[in-house]
Amino acid sequence: MQLDKGSLIKYDRKSGLIQQDDRFGVVIVVKLGSAYGCEMARLYLNIKLFFKATELGRIASHFYCTYETMQTYNQLLKATATEIDLFRIFSMSAEFKHIMVREEEKLELQKLA
């Protein structure tokens, strides 16, 4: 078991279980709630709350992907996707929404569209 600085969260690297202090359970559930929709985490209710990361959650963590991006990938990626489909799906990543287009590139993008 590994403890965080405040000893409020215990993380077992072997099993992947995260156990938090009951006083902060509601806060953690709210923050991780959106991860449940795309199967990035599962909640185990016992006497205390336990979170266990899924394989999809570990991939998202490793590549710094948001849950929105992983949800998009999970819904749209299929085994039959072509190379063009992959580019289209990856371009829908939530991480791209803050990228700005330079003024000098706008004209060229209009030509391509």
Protein backbone atom coordinates (compact mmCIF):
# COMPACT_ATOMS: atom_id res chain seq x y z
CA MET A 1 0.00 0.00 0.00
CA GLN A 2 1.13 3.51 -0.78
CA LEU A 3 -0.26 6.58 0.99
CA ASP A 4 -0.56 10.09 -0.37
CA LYS A 5 0.80 13.13 1.52
CA GLY A 6 -2.28 13.60 3.69
CA SER A 7 -2.84 9.84 4.17
CA LEU A 8 -6.37 10.30 2.83
CA ILE A 9 -5.95 7.96 -0.13
CA LYS A 10 -4.39 4.51 -0.07
CA TYR A 11 -3.28 3.05 -3.39
CA ASP A 12 -2.33 -0.59 -3.78
CA ARG A 13 -0.13 -0.87 -6.90
CA LYS A 14 -0.51 -4.64 -7.04
CA SER A 15 -4.32 -4.73 -7.20
CA GLY A 16 -4.87 -1.21 -8.59
CA LEU A 17 -7.36 -0.42 -5.82
CA ILE A 18 -7.71 3.13 -4.51
CA GLN A 19 -9.30 3.55 -1.09
CA GLN A 20 -10.14 7.00 0.24
CA ASP A 21 -10.98 8.27 3.70
CA ASP A 22 -14.78 8.28 4.19
CA ARG A 23 -14.78 12.00 5.00
CA PHE A 24 -13.83 12.80 1.40
CA GLY A 25 -15.74 10.07 -0.43
CA VAL A 26 -18.35 12.38 -1.91
CA VAL A 27 -15.74 14.73 -3.42
CA ILE A 28 -13.84 11.86 -5.03
CA VAL A 29 -17.01 10.25 -6.39
CA VAL A 30 -18.07 13.55 -7.98
CA LYS A 31 -14.68 14.07 -9.62
CA LEU A 32 -14.49 10.51 -10.94
CA GLY A 33 -18.19 10.26 -11.80
CA SER A 34 -17.74 11.19 -15.43
CA ALA A 35 -15.11 8.47 -15.84
CA TYR A 36 -17.73 5.77 -15.23
CA GLY A 37 -19.56 6.57 -18.47
CA CYS A 38 -16.64 5.38 -20.57
CA GLU A 39 -15.59 2.45 -18.37
CA MET A 40 -12.36 4.07 -17.14
CA ALA A 41 -13.06 3.26 -13.50
CA ARG A 42 -15.38 1.03 -11.54
CA LEU A 43 -16.78 1.67 -8.09
CA TYR A 44 -16.85 -1.12 -5.53
CA LEU A 45 -19.14 -0.52 -2.56
CA ASN A 46 -18.25 -2.33 0.60
CA ILE A 47 -17.88 -0.84 4.07
CA LYS A 48 -15.63 1.76 2.42
CA LEU A 49 -15.47 3.01 -1.15
CA PHE A 50 -12.92 1.41 -3.46
CA PHE A 51 -12.01 2.48 -6.99
CA LYS A 52 -10.28 0.14 -9.37
CA ALA A 53 -8.88 1.41 -12.66
CA THR A 54 -9.84 -0.50 -15.78
CA GLU A 55 -7.51 -1.17 -18.70
CA LEU A 56 -9.11 1.72 -20.58
CA GLY A 57 -8.47 4.00 -17.60
CA ARG A 58 -4.82 2.96 -17.46
CA ILE A 59 -4.40 3.70 -21.17
CA ALA A 60 -5.99 7.14 -20.72
CA SER A 61 -3.70 7.87 -17.79
CA HIS A 62 -0.60 6.71 -19.64
CA PHE A 63 -1.29 8.91 -22.69
CA TYR A 64 -2.78 11.86 -20.71
CA CYS A 65 -6.15 11.58 -22.45
CA THR A 66 -9.27 13.14 -20.96
CA TYR A 67 -12.31 11.02 -20.24
CA GLU A 68 -14.13 12.82 -23.08
CA THR A 69 -11.46 11.71 -25.55
CA MET A 70 -11.52 8.13 -24.30
CA GLN A 71 -15.31 8.10 -24.48
CA THR A 72 -15.11 9.26 -28.11
CA TYR A 73 -12.52 6.60 -28.95
CA ASN A 74 -14.50 3.92 -27.14
CA GLN A 75 -17.68 4.77 -29.07
CA LEU A 76 -16.22 5.31 -32.55
CA LEU A 77 -13.18 3.04 -32.91
CA LYS A 78 -14.06 -0.20 -34.65
CA ALA A 79 -11.93 -3.05 -35.95
CA THR A 80 -13.06 -2.19 -39.48
CA ALA A 81 -11.98 1.49 -39.30
CA THR A 82 -9.94 2.68 -42.26
CA GLU A 83 -6.94 4.97 -42.04
CA ILE A 84 -9.16 7.94 -42.95
CA ASP A 85 -11.61 6.95 -40.20
CA LEU A 86 -8.76 6.84 -37.68
CA PHE A 87 -7.63 10.36 -38.61
CA ARG A 88 -11.22 11.60 -38.34
CA ILE A 89 -11.73 9.96 -34.94
CA PHE A 90 -8.40 11.12 -33.51
CA SER A 91 -9.07 14.66 -34.74
CA MET A 92 -12.19 14.65 -32.55
CA SER A 93 -10.03 14.39 -29.41
CA ALA A 94 -11.02 16.83 -26.67
CA GLU A 95 -7.38 17.91 -26.36
CA PHE A 96 -7.61 19.66 -29.74
CA LYS A 97 -10.42 22.03 -28.76
CA HIS A 98 -7.97 24.64 -27.41
CA ILE A 99 -5.73 24.75 -30.49
CA MET A 100 -6.02 28.07 -32.29
CA VAL A 101 -5.61 28.52 -36.05
CA ARG A 102 -3.13 31.19 -37.16
CA GLU A 103 -4.45 34.01 -39.32
CA GLU A 104 -2.13 33.12 -42.21
CA GLU A 105 -3.40 29.51 -42.16
CA LYS A 106 -7.12 30.37 -42.36
CA LEU A 107 -7.03 31.15 -46.09
CA GLU A 108 -5.23 27.91 -46.88
CA LEU A 109 -7.69 25.92 -44.75
CA GLN A 110 -10.59 27.49 -46.64
CA LYS A 111 -9.02 26.35 -49.92
CA LEU A 112 -8.69 22.79 -48.61
CA ALA A 113 -12.29 22.63 -47.36
